[in-house]
Full PDB file with SEQRES, HELIX, SHEET, SSBOND, CRYST1, ORIGX, SCALE, CONECT and MASTER records, all heavy atoms in Angstrom:
SEQRES   1 A   38  LEU LEU VAL ASP VAL SER ILE VAL ASN VAL ALA LEU PRO          
SEQRES   2 A   38  GLN MET SER THR ASP LEU HIS SER SER PHE THR SER LEU          
SEQRES   3 A   38  GLN TRP VAL VAL ASP MET TYR ALA LEU VAL LEU ALA              
HELIX    1 AA1 VAL A    3  SER A    6  1                                   4    
HELIX    2 AA2 ASN A    9  ALA A   11  5                                   3    
HELIX    3 AA3 LEU A   12  LEU A   19  1                                   8    
HELIX    4 AA4 PHE A   23  LEU A   37  1                                  15    
CRYST1    1.000    1.000    1.000  90.00  90.00  90.00 P 1           1          
ORIGX1      1.000000  0.000000  0.000000        0.00000                         
ORIGX2      0.000000  1.000000  0.000000        0.00000                         
ORIGX3      0.000000  0.000000  1.000000        0.00000                         
SCALE1      1.000000  0.000000  0.000000        0.00000                         
SCALE2      0.000000  1.000000  0.000000        0.00000                         
SCALE3      0.000000  0.000000  1.000000        0.00000                         
ATOM      1  N   LEU A   1      -6.241 -18.898  -6.762  1.00  0.00           N  
ATOM      2  CA  LEU A   1      -5.245 -18.027  -6.123  1.00  0.00           C  
ATOM      3  C   LEU A   1      -3.989 -17.894  -6.972  1.00  0.00           C  
ATOM      4  O   LEU A   1      -3.331 -16.849  -6.953  1.00  0.00           O  
ATOM      5  CB  LEU A   1      -4.917 -18.534  -4.716  1.00  0.00           C  
ATOM      6  CG  LEU A   1      -4.057 -19.778  -4.527  1.00  0.00           C  
ATOM      7  CD1 LEU A   1      -2.585 -19.424  -4.396  1.00  0.00           C  
ATOM      8  CD2 LEU A   1      -4.503 -20.552  -3.291  1.00  0.00           C  
ATOM      9  N   LEU A   2      -3.632 -18.939  -7.749  1.00  0.00           N  
ATOM     10  CA  LEU A   2      -2.439 -18.844  -8.593  1.00  0.00           C  
ATOM     11  C   LEU A   2      -2.706 -18.058  -9.870  1.00  0.00           C  
ATOM     12  O   LEU A   2      -1.830 -17.349 -10.364  1.00  0.00           O  
ATOM     13  CB  LEU A   2      -1.915 -20.244  -8.920  1.00  0.00           C  
ATOM     14  CG  LEU A   2      -1.322 -21.019  -7.744  1.00  0.00           C  
ATOM     15  CD1 LEU A   2      -0.900 -22.413  -8.168  1.00  0.00           C  
ATOM     16  CD2 LEU A   2      -0.139 -20.277  -7.134  1.00  0.00           C  
ATOM     17  N   VAL A   3      -3.911 -18.185 -10.430  1.00  0.00           N  
ATOM     18  CA  VAL A   3      -4.270 -17.397 -11.610  1.00  0.00           C  
ATOM     19  C   VAL A   3      -4.197 -15.908 -11.302  1.00  0.00           C  
ATOM     20  O   VAL A   3      -3.784 -15.097 -12.139  1.00  0.00           O  
ATOM     21  CB  VAL A   3      -5.673 -17.785 -12.120  1.00  0.00           C  
ATOM     22  CG1 VAL A   3      -6.278 -16.683 -12.976  1.00  0.00           C  
ATOM     23  CG2 VAL A   3      -5.595 -19.061 -12.945  1.00  0.00           C  
ATOM     24  N   ASP A   4      -4.573 -15.533 -10.069  1.00  0.00           N  
ATOM     25  CA  ASP A   4      -4.609 -14.108  -9.734  1.00  0.00           C  
ATOM     26  C   ASP A   4      -3.232 -13.469  -9.624  1.00  0.00           C  
ATOM     27  O   ASP A   4      -3.133 -12.247  -9.516  1.00  0.00           O  
ATOM     28  CB  ASP A   4      -5.396 -13.903  -8.430  1.00  0.00           C  
ATOM     29  CG  ASP A   4      -6.821 -13.477  -8.709  1.00  0.00           C  
ATOM     30  OD1 ASP A   4      -7.518 -14.195  -9.450  1.00  0.00           O  
ATOM     31  OD2 ASP A   4      -7.242 -12.413  -8.214  1.00  0.00           O  
ATOM     32  N   VAL A   5      -2.163 -14.291  -9.650  1.00  0.00           N  
ATOM     33  CA  VAL A   5      -0.825 -13.720  -9.698  1.00  0.00           C  
ATOM     34  C   VAL A   5      -0.556 -13.139 -11.087  1.00  0.00           C  
ATOM     35  O   VAL A   5       0.015 -12.059 -11.231  1.00  0.00           O  
ATOM     36  CB  VAL A   5       0.233 -14.783  -9.347  1.00  0.00           C  
ATOM     37  CG1 VAL A   5       1.644 -14.212  -9.500  1.00  0.00           C  
ATOM     38  CG2 VAL A   5       0.026 -15.287  -7.924  1.00  0.00           C  
ATOM     39  N   SER A   6      -0.985 -13.863 -12.140  1.00  0.00           N  
ATOM     40  CA  SER A   6      -0.636 -13.469 -13.506  1.00  0.00           C  
ATOM     41  C   SER A   6      -1.779 -12.846 -14.292  1.00  0.00           C  
ATOM     42  O   SER A   6      -1.549 -12.184 -15.299  1.00  0.00           O  
ATOM     43  CB  SER A   6      -0.122 -14.692 -14.276  1.00  0.00           C  
ATOM     44  OG  SER A   6      -1.104 -15.718 -14.311  1.00  0.00           O  
ATOM     45  N   ILE A   7      -3.013 -13.038 -13.843  1.00  0.00           N  
ATOM     46  CA  ILE A   7      -4.160 -12.567 -14.627  1.00  0.00           C  
ATOM     47  C   ILE A   7      -4.204 -11.043 -14.706  1.00  0.00           C  
ATOM     48  O   ILE A   7      -4.750 -10.467 -15.648  1.00  0.00           O  
ATOM     49  CB  ILE A   7      -5.479 -13.119 -14.028  1.00  0.00           C  
ATOM     50  CG1 ILE A   7      -6.618 -13.024 -15.043  1.00  0.00           C  
ATOM     51  CG2 ILE A   7      -5.844 -12.396 -12.735  1.00  0.00           C  
ATOM     52  CD1 ILE A   7      -7.891 -13.718 -14.589  1.00  0.00           C  
ATOM     53  N   VAL A   8      -3.590 -10.385 -13.717  1.00  0.00           N  
ATOM     54  CA  VAL A   8      -3.652  -8.927 -13.637  1.00  0.00           C  
ATOM     55  C   VAL A   8      -2.771  -8.257 -14.691  1.00  0.00           C  
ATOM     56  O   VAL A   8      -3.087  -7.167 -15.177  1.00  0.00           O  
ATOM     57  CB  VAL A   8      -3.251  -8.468 -12.211  1.00  0.00           C  
ATOM     58  CG1 VAL A   8      -3.073  -6.961 -12.155  1.00  0.00           C  
ATOM     59  CG2 VAL A   8      -4.296  -8.907 -11.203  1.00  0.00           C  
ATOM     60  N   ASN A   9      -1.667  -8.915 -15.070  1.00  0.00           N  
ATOM     61  CA  ASN A   9      -0.671  -8.255 -15.920  1.00  0.00           C  
ATOM     62  C   ASN A   9      -1.247  -7.693 -17.212  1.00  0.00           C  
ATOM     63  O   ASN A   9      -0.959  -6.555 -17.597  1.00  0.00           O  
ATOM     64  CB  ASN A   9       0.464  -9.231 -16.250  1.00  0.00           C  
ATOM     65  CG  ASN A   9       1.398  -9.453 -15.070  1.00  0.00           C  
ATOM     66  OD1 ASN A   9       1.473  -8.625 -14.165  1.00  0.00           O  
ATOM     67  ND2 ASN A   9       2.084 -10.571 -15.067  1.00  0.00           N  
ATOM     68  N   VAL A  10      -2.073  -8.492 -17.908  1.00  0.00           N  
ATOM     69  CA  VAL A  10      -2.571  -8.041 -19.202  1.00  0.00           C  
ATOM     70  C   VAL A  10      -3.645  -6.962 -19.074  1.00  0.00           C  
ATOM     71  O   VAL A  10      -3.988  -6.302 -20.063  1.00  0.00           O  
ATOM     72  CB  VAL A  10      -3.123  -9.227 -20.025  1.00  0.00           C  
ATOM     73  CG1 VAL A  10      -2.016 -10.184 -20.384  1.00  0.00           C  
ATOM     74  CG2 VAL A  10      -4.230  -9.950 -19.271  1.00  0.00           C  
ATOM     75  N   ALA A  11      -4.183  -6.776 -17.862  1.00  0.00           N  
ATOM     76  CA  ALA A  11      -5.218  -5.759 -17.667  1.00  0.00           C  
ATOM     77  C   ALA A  11      -4.650  -4.426 -17.197  1.00  0.00           C  
ATOM     78  O   ALA A  11      -5.395  -3.445 -17.077  1.00  0.00           O  
ATOM     79  CB  ALA A  11      -6.259  -6.257 -16.641  1.00  0.00           C  
ATOM     80  N   LEU A  12      -3.328  -4.355 -16.951  1.00  0.00           N  
ATOM     81  CA  LEU A  12      -2.744  -3.139 -16.369  1.00  0.00           C  
ATOM     82  C   LEU A  12      -2.960  -1.886 -17.220  1.00  0.00           C  
ATOM     83  O   LEU A  12      -3.328  -0.834 -16.671  1.00  0.00           O  
ATOM     84  CB  LEU A  12      -1.253  -3.359 -16.112  1.00  0.00           C  
ATOM     85  CG  LEU A  12      -0.906  -4.309 -14.953  1.00  0.00           C  
ATOM     86  CD1 LEU A  12       0.601  -4.511 -14.879  1.00  0.00           C  
ATOM     87  CD2 LEU A  12      -1.440  -3.778 -13.630  1.00  0.00           C  
ATOM     88  N   PRO A  13      -2.737  -1.918 -18.535  1.00  0.00           N  
ATOM     89  CA  PRO A  13      -2.964  -0.686 -19.305  1.00  0.00           C  
ATOM     90  C   PRO A  13      -4.399  -0.174 -19.205  1.00  0.00           C  
ATOM     91  O   PRO A  13      -4.621   1.036 -19.092  1.00  0.00           O  
ATOM     92  CB  PRO A  13      -2.609  -1.105 -20.740  1.00  0.00           C  
ATOM     93  CG  PRO A  13      -1.617  -2.205 -20.579  1.00  0.00           C  
ATOM     94  CD  PRO A  13      -2.113  -2.971 -19.380  1.00  0.00           C  
ATOM     95  N   GLN A  14      -5.387  -1.085 -19.257  1.00  0.00           N  
ATOM     96  CA  GLN A  14      -6.777  -0.648 -19.151  1.00  0.00           C  
ATOM     97  C   GLN A  14      -7.080  -0.118 -17.751  1.00  0.00           C  
ATOM     98  O   GLN A  14      -7.810   0.858 -17.596  1.00  0.00           O  
ATOM     99  CB  GLN A  14      -7.724  -1.803 -19.489  1.00  0.00           C  
ATOM    100  CG  GLN A  14      -9.141  -1.341 -19.805  1.00  0.00           C  
ATOM    101  CD  GLN A  14     -10.049  -2.469 -20.213  1.00  0.00           C  
ATOM    102  OE1 GLN A  14     -10.888  -2.906 -19.437  1.00  0.00           O  
ATOM    103  NE2 GLN A  14      -9.892  -2.959 -21.441  1.00  0.00           N  
ATOM    104  N   MET A  15      -6.517  -0.760 -16.733  1.00  0.00           N  
ATOM    105  CA  MET A  15      -6.668  -0.253 -15.357  1.00  0.00           C  
ATOM    106  C   MET A  15      -6.105   1.155 -15.239  1.00  0.00           C  
ATOM    107  O   MET A  15      -6.704   2.043 -14.621  1.00  0.00           O  
ATOM    108  CB  MET A  15      -5.920  -1.155 -14.365  1.00  0.00           C  
ATOM    109  CG  MET A  15      -6.566  -2.464 -14.046  1.00  0.00           C  
ATOM    110  SD  MET A  15      -5.540  -3.329 -12.816  1.00  0.00           S  
ATOM    111  CE  MET A  15      -6.328  -4.934 -12.826  1.00  0.00           C  
ATOM    112  N   SER A  16      -4.918   1.345 -15.804  1.00  0.00           N  
ATOM    113  CA  SER A  16      -4.255   2.641 -15.723  1.00  0.00           C  
ATOM    114  C   SER A  16      -5.118   3.743 -16.318  1.00  0.00           C  
ATOM    115  O   SER A  16      -5.266   4.828 -15.745  1.00  0.00           O  
ATOM    116  CB  SER A  16      -2.902   2.583 -16.440  1.00  0.00           C  
ATOM    117  OG  SER A  16      -2.275   3.836 -16.463  1.00  0.00           O  
ATOM    118  N   THR A  17      -5.721   3.476 -17.474  1.00  0.00           N  
ATOM    119  CA  THR A  17      -6.571   4.466 -18.138  1.00  0.00           C  
ATOM    120  C   THR A  17      -7.849   4.723 -17.348  1.00  0.00           C  
ATOM    121  O   THR A  17      -8.261   5.867 -17.157  1.00  0.00           O  
ATOM    122  CB  THR A  17      -6.916   3.983 -19.555  1.00  0.00           C  
ATOM    123  OG1 THR A  17      -5.700   3.789 -20.291  1.00  0.00           O  
ATOM    124  CG2 THR A  17      -7.784   4.994 -20.285  1.00  0.00           C  
ATOM    125  N   ASP A  18      -8.463   3.639 -16.880  1.00  0.00           N  
ATOM    126  CA  ASP A  18      -9.756   3.751 -16.194  1.00  0.00           C  
ATOM    127  C   ASP A  18      -9.627   4.444 -14.839  1.00  0.00           C  
ATOM    128  O   ASP A  18     -10.470   5.258 -14.449  1.00  0.00           O  
ATOM    129  CB  ASP A  18     -10.357   2.359 -16.030  1.00  0.00           C  
ATOM    130  CG  ASP A  18     -11.830   2.398 -15.646  1.00  0.00           C  
ATOM    131  OD1 ASP A  18     -12.449   3.462 -15.799  1.00  0.00           O  
ATOM    132  OD2 ASP A  18     -12.359   1.366 -15.195  1.00  0.00           O  
ATOM    133  N   LEU A  19      -8.576   4.109 -14.094  1.00  0.00           N  
ATOM    134  CA  LEU A  19      -8.408   4.638 -12.737  1.00  0.00           C  
ATOM    135  C   LEU A  19      -7.460   5.831 -12.679  1.00  0.00           C  
ATOM    136  O   LEU A  19      -7.227   6.372 -11.589  1.00  0.00           O  
ATOM    137  CB  LEU A  19      -7.871   3.523 -11.814  1.00  0.00           C  
ATOM    138  CG  LEU A  19      -8.749   2.275 -11.677  1.00  0.00           C  
ATOM    139  CD1 LEU A  19      -8.075   1.250 -10.779  1.00  0.00           C  
ATOM    140  CD2 LEU A  19     -10.127   2.635 -11.122  1.00  0.00           C  
ATOM    141  N   HIS A  20      -6.898   6.240 -13.836  1.00  0.00           N  
ATOM    142  CA  HIS A  20      -5.957   7.364 -13.886  1.00  0.00           C  
ATOM    143  C   HIS A  20      -4.812   7.154 -12.895  1.00  0.00           C  
ATOM    144  O   HIS A  20      -4.428   8.066 -12.151  1.00  0.00           O  
ATOM    145  CB  HIS A  20      -6.670   8.691 -13.592  1.00  0.00           C  
ATOM    146  CG  HIS A  20      -7.875   8.926 -14.459  1.00  0.00           C  
ATOM    147  ND1 HIS A  20      -7.792   9.243 -15.795  1.00  0.00           N  
ATOM    148  CD2 HIS A  20      -9.208   8.857 -14.181  1.00  0.00           C  
ATOM    149  CE1 HIS A  20      -9.003   9.376 -16.311  1.00  0.00           C  
ATOM    150  NE2 HIS A  20      -9.880   9.147 -15.351  1.00  0.00           N  
ATOM    151  N   SER A  21      -4.274   5.947 -12.899  1.00  0.00           N  
ATOM    152  CA  SER A  21      -3.267   5.583 -11.909  1.00  0.00           C  
ATOM    153  C   SER A  21      -1.863   5.839 -12.429  1.00  0.00           C  
ATOM    154  O   SER A  21      -1.617   5.867 -13.636  1.00  0.00           O  
ATOM    155  CB  SER A  21      -3.410   4.108 -11.526  1.00  0.00           C  
ATOM    156  OG  SER A  21      -3.357   3.287 -12.661  1.00  0.00           O  
ATOM    157  N   SER A  22      -0.942   5.991 -11.507  1.00  0.00           N  
ATOM    158  CA  SER A  22       0.462   6.215 -11.842  1.00  0.00           C  
ATOM    159  C   SER A  22       1.171   4.878 -12.034  1.00  0.00           C  
ATOM    160  O   SER A  22       0.631   3.813 -11.744  1.00  0.00           O  
ATOM    161  CB  SER A  22       1.146   6.989 -10.711  1.00  0.00           C  
ATOM    162  OG  SER A  22       1.170   6.202  -9.529  1.00  0.00           O  
ATOM    163  N   PHE A  23       2.426   4.966 -12.510  1.00  0.00           N  
ATOM    164  CA  PHE A  23       3.226   3.761 -12.671  1.00  0.00           C  
ATOM    165  C   PHE A  23       3.439   3.070 -11.325  1.00  0.00           C  
ATOM    166  O   PHE A  23       3.372   1.843 -11.218  1.00  0.00           O  
ATOM    167  CB  PHE A  23       4.568   4.121 -13.307  1.00  0.00           C  
ATOM    168  CG  PHE A  23       5.519   2.962 -13.425  1.00  0.00           C  
ATOM    169  CD1 PHE A  23       5.233   1.907 -14.263  1.00  0.00           C  
ATOM    170  CD2 PHE A  23       6.708   2.952 -12.699  1.00  0.00           C  
ATOM    171  CE1 PHE A  23       6.111   0.834 -14.385  1.00  0.00           C  
ATOM    172  CE2 PHE A  23       7.589   1.891 -12.819  1.00  0.00           C  
ATOM    173  CZ  PHE A  23       7.294   0.832 -13.659  1.00  0.00           C  
ATOM    174  N   THR A  24       3.678   3.849 -10.274  1.00  0.00           N  
ATOM    175  CA  THR A  24       3.859   3.282  -8.942  1.00  0.00           C  
ATOM    176  C   THR A  24       2.612   2.528  -8.494  1.00  0.00           C  
ATOM    177  O   THR A  24       2.702   1.439  -7.911  1.00  0.00           O  
ATOM    178  CB  THR A  24       4.193   4.394  -7.929  1.00  0.00           C  
ATOM    179  OG1 THR A  24       5.412   5.030  -8.316  1.00  0.00           O  
ATOM    180  CG2 THR A  24       4.340   3.826  -6.527  1.00  0.00           C  
ATOM    181  N   SER A  25       1.439   3.073  -8.771  1.00  0.00           N  
ATOM    182  CA  SER A  25       0.192   2.395  -8.397  1.00  0.00           C  
ATOM    183  C   SER A  25       0.054   1.066  -9.123  1.00  0.00           C  
ATOM    184  O   SER A  25      -0.389   0.063  -8.542  1.00  0.00           O  
ATOM    185  CB  SER A  25      -1.011   3.286  -8.711  1.00  0.00           C  
ATOM    186  OG  SER A  25      -0.991   4.457  -7.938  1.00  0.00           O  
ATOM    187  N   LEU A  26       0.423   1.039 -10.410  1.00  0.00           N  
ATOM    188  CA  LEU A  26       0.352  -0.215 -11.160  1.00  0.00           C  
ATOM    189  C   LEU A  26       1.275  -1.266 -10.545  1.00  0.00           C  
ATOM    190  O   LEU A  26       0.921  -2.448 -10.457  1.00  0.00           O  
ATOM    191  CB  LEU A  26       0.746   0.016 -12.615  1.00  0.00           C  
ATOM    192  CG  LEU A  26      -0.220   0.805 -13.500  1.00  0.00           C  
ATOM    193  CD1 LEU A  26       0.310   0.861 -14.930  1.00  0.00           C  
ATOM    194  CD2 LEU A  26      -1.602   0.171 -13.493  1.00  0.00           C  
ATOM    195  N   GLN A  27       2.459  -0.851 -10.116  1.00  0.00           N  
ATOM    196  CA  GLN A  27       3.372  -1.793  -9.470  1.00  0.00           C  
ATOM    197  C   GLN A  27       2.742  -2.377  -8.214  1.00  0.00           C  
ATOM    198  O   GLN A  27       2.837  -3.582  -7.958  1.00  0.00           O  
ATOM    199  CB  GLN A  27       4.686  -1.101  -9.105  1.00  0.00           C  
ATOM    200  CG  GLN A  27       5.599  -0.825 -10.293  1.00  0.00           C  
ATOM    201  CD  GLN A  27       6.877  -0.151  -9.846  1.00  0.00           C  
ATOM    202  OE1 GLN A  27       6.893   1.041  -9.564  1.00  0.00           O  
ATOM    203  NE2 GLN A  27       7.951  -0.909  -9.775  1.00  0.00           N  
ATOM    204  N   TRP A  28       2.068  -1.530  -7.440  1.00  0.00           N  
ATOM    205  CA  TRP A  28       1.469  -2.002  -6.197  1.00  0.00           C  
ATOM    206  C   TRP A  28       0.277  -2.917  -6.449  1.00  0.00           C  
ATOM    207  O   TRP A  28       0.024  -3.835  -5.664  1.00  0.00           O  
ATOM    208  CB  TRP A  28       1.059  -0.825  -5.313  1.00  0.00           C  
ATOM    209  CG  TRP A  28       2.183  -0.268  -4.510  1.00  0.00           C  
ATOM    210  CD1 TRP A  28       2.726   0.976  -4.594  1.00  0.00           C  
ATOM    211  CD2 TRP A  28       2.917  -0.948  -3.496  1.00  0.00           C  
ATOM    212  NE1 TRP A  28       3.756   1.108  -3.701  1.00  0.00           N  
ATOM    213  CE2 TRP A  28       3.893  -0.054  -3.012  1.00  0.00           C  
ATOM    214  CE3 TRP A  28       2.854  -2.230  -2.951  1.00  0.00           C  
ATOM    215  CZ2 TRP A  28       4.797  -0.409  -2.003  1.00  0.00           C  
ATOM    216  CZ3 TRP A  28       3.758  -2.595  -1.952  1.00  0.00           C  
ATOM    217  CH2 TRP A  28       4.712  -1.686  -1.492  1.00  0.00           C  
ATOM    218  N   VAL A  29      -0.461  -2.702  -7.535  1.00  0.00           N  
ATOM    219  CA  VAL A  29      -1.581  -3.594  -7.858  1.00  0.00           C  
ATOM    220  C   VAL A  29      -1.055  -5.019  -8.046  1.00  0.00           C  
ATOM    221  O   VAL A  29      -1.668  -5.993  -7.589  1.00  0.00           O  
ATOM    222  CB  VAL A  29      -2.318  -3.116  -9.128  1.00  0.00           C  
ATOM    223  CG1 VAL A  29      -3.290  -4.185  -9.617  1.00  0.00           C  
ATOM    224  CG2 VAL A  29      -3.074  -1.822  -8.845  1.00  0.00           C  
ATOM    225  N   VAL A  30       0.071  -5.167  -8.724  1.00  0.00           N  
ATOM    226  CA  VAL A  30       0.666  -6.487  -8.936  1.00  0.00           C  
ATOM    227  C   VAL A  30       1.374  -6.965  -7.672  1.00  0.00           C  
ATOM    228  O   VAL A  30       1.250  -8.126  -7.258  1.00  0.00           O  
ATOM    229  CB  VAL A  30       1.661  -6.440 -10.109  1.00  0.00           C  
ATOM    230  CG1 VAL A  30       2.312  -7.799 -10.307  1.00  0.00           C  
ATOM    231  CG2 VAL A  30       0.965  -6.003 -11.386  1.00  0.00           C  
ATOM    232  N   ASP A  31       2.127  -6.073  -7.045  1.00  0.00           N  
ATOM    233  CA  ASP A  31       3.045  -6.444  -5.980  1.00  0.00           C  
ATOM    234  C   ASP A  31       2.362  -6.725  -4.647  1.00  0.00           C  
ATOM    235  O   ASP A  31       2.831  -7.566  -3.881  1.00  0.00           O  
ATOM    236  CB  ASP A  31       4.068  -5.329  -5.779  1.00  0.00           C  
ATOM    237  CG  ASP A  31       5.490  -5.854  -5.860  1.00  0.00           C  
ATOM    238  OD1 ASP A  31       5.654  -7.044  -6.179  1.00  0.00           O  
ATOM    239  OD2 ASP A  31       6.424  -5.078  -5.611  1.00  0.00           O  
ATOM    240  N   MET A  32       1.285  -6.011  -4.340  1.00  0.00           N  
ATOM    241  CA  MET A  32       0.689  -6.121  -3.010  1.00  0.00           C  
ATOM    242  C   MET A  32       0.224  -7.548  -2.723  1.00  0.00           C  
ATOM    243  O   MET A  32       0.397  -8.064  -1.605  1.00  0.00           O  
ATOM    244  CB  MET A  32      -0.479  -5.137  -2.878  1.00  0.00           C  
ATOM    245  CG  MET A  32      -1.087  -5.099  -1.474  1.00  0.00           C  
ATOM    246  SD  MET A  32       0.115  -4.651  -0.191  1.00  0.00           S  
ATOM    247  CE  MET A  32       0.185  -2.870  -0.412  1.00  0.00           C  
ATOM    248  N   TYR A  33      -0.357  -8.192  -3.717  1.00  0.00           N  
ATOM    249  CA  TYR A  33      -0.842  -9.558  -3.534  1.00  0.00           C  
ATOM    250  C   TYR A  33       0.315 -10.499  -3.202  1.00  0.00           C  
ATOM    251  O   TYR A  33       0.260 -11.263  -2.222  1.00  0.00           O  
ATOM    252  CB  TYR A  33      -1.552 -10.001  -4.818  1.00  0.00           C  
ATOM    253  CG  TYR A  33      -2.128 -11.387  -4.785  1.00  0.00           C  
ATOM    254  CD1 TYR A  33      -3.135 -11.731  -3.903  1.00  0.00           C  
ATOM    255  CD2 TYR A  33      -1.676 -12.364  -5.664  1.00  0.00           C  
ATOM    256  CE1 TYR A  33      -3.677 -13.012  -3.880  1.00  0.00           C  
ATOM    257  CE2 TYR A  33      -2.205 -13.639  -5.660  1.00  0.00           C  
ATOM    258  CZ  TYR A  33      -3.208 -13.956  -4.773  1.00  0.00           C  
ATOM    259  OH  TYR A  33      -3.743 -15.219  -4.769  1.00  0.00           O  
ATOM    260  N   ALA A  34       1.388 -10.451  -3.995  1.00  0.00           N  
ATOM    261  CA  ALA A  34       2.539 -11.326  -3.757  1.00  0.00           C  
ATOM    262  C   ALA A  34       3.235 -10.989  -2.444  1.00  0.00           C  
ATOM    263  O   ALA A  34       3.707 -11.878  -1.724  1.00  0.00           O  
ATOM    264  CB  ALA A  34       3.530 -11.213  -4.913  1.00  0.00           C  
ATOM    265  N   LEU A  35       3.290  -9.701  -2.109  1.00  0.00           N  
ATOM    266  CA  LEU A  35       3.959  -9.282  -0.875  1.00  0.00           C  
ATOM    267  C   LEU A  35       3.241  -9.819   0.355  1.00  0.00           C  
ATOM    268  O   LEU A  35       3.868 -10.358   1.278  1.00  0.00           O  
ATOM    269  CB  LEU A  35       4.034  -7.755  -0.823  1.00  0.00           C  
ATOM    270  CG  LEU A  35       4.653  -7.142   0.438  1.00  0.00           C  
ATOM    271  CD1 LEU A  35       6.096  -7.605   0.599  1.00  0.00           C  
ATOM    272  CD2 LEU A  35       4.574  -5.625   0.382  1.00  0.00           C  
ATOM    273  N   VAL A  36       1.923  -9.685   0.390  1.00  0.00           N  
ATOM    274  CA  VAL A  36       1.157 -10.179   1.551  1.00  0.00           C  
ATOM    275  C   VAL A  36       1.242 -11.704   1.626  1.00  0.00           C  
ATOM    276  O   VAL A  36       1.369 -12.280   2.708  1.00  0.00           O  
ATOM    277  CB  VAL A  36      -0.305  -9.701   1.472  1.00  0.00           C  
ATOM    278  CG1 VAL A  36      -1.139 -10.341   2.572  1.00  0.00           C  
ATOM    279  CG2 VAL A  36      -0.363  -8.183   1.590  1.00  0.00           C  
ATOM    280  N   LEU A  37       1.180 -12.377   0.463  1.00  0.00           N  
ATOM    281  CA  LEU A  37       1.372 -13.827   0.450  1.00  0.00           C  
ATOM    282  C   LEU A  37       2.708 -14.188   1.094  1.00  0.00           C  
ATOM    283  O   LEU A  37       2.781 -15.073   1.960  1.00  0.00           O  
ATOM    284  CB  LEU A  37       1.348 -14.344  -0.984  1.00  0.00           C  
ATOM    285  CG  LEU A  37       0.023 -14.824  -1.573  1.00  0.00           C  
ATOM    286  CD1 LEU A  37       0.232 -15.249  -3.023  1.00  0.00           C  
ATOM    287  CD2 LEU A  37      -0.554 -15.970  -0.779  1.00  0.00           C  
ATOM    288  N   ALA A  38       3.770 -13.513   0.680  1.00  0.00           N  
ATOM    289  CA  ALA A  38       5.108 -13.817   1.189  1.00  0.00           C  
ATOM    290  C   ALA A  38       5.201 -13.551   2.685  1.00  0.00           C  
ATOM    291  O   ALA A  38       5.781 -14.339   3.433  1.00  0.00           O  
ATOM    292  CB  ALA A  38       6.151 -12.988   0.443  1.00  0.00           C  
TER     293      ALA A  38                                                      
MASTER        0    0    0    4    0    0    0    6  292    1    0    3          
END                                                                             
């Protein structure tokens, strides 16, 4: 569960290209996990 906080960061550019996502979507991919935890 702790690895999944940071493991996503280095994959964001590839996610963005593959899913054609916006900058806001990338923020939510990282943020949603921490937000629900909090």
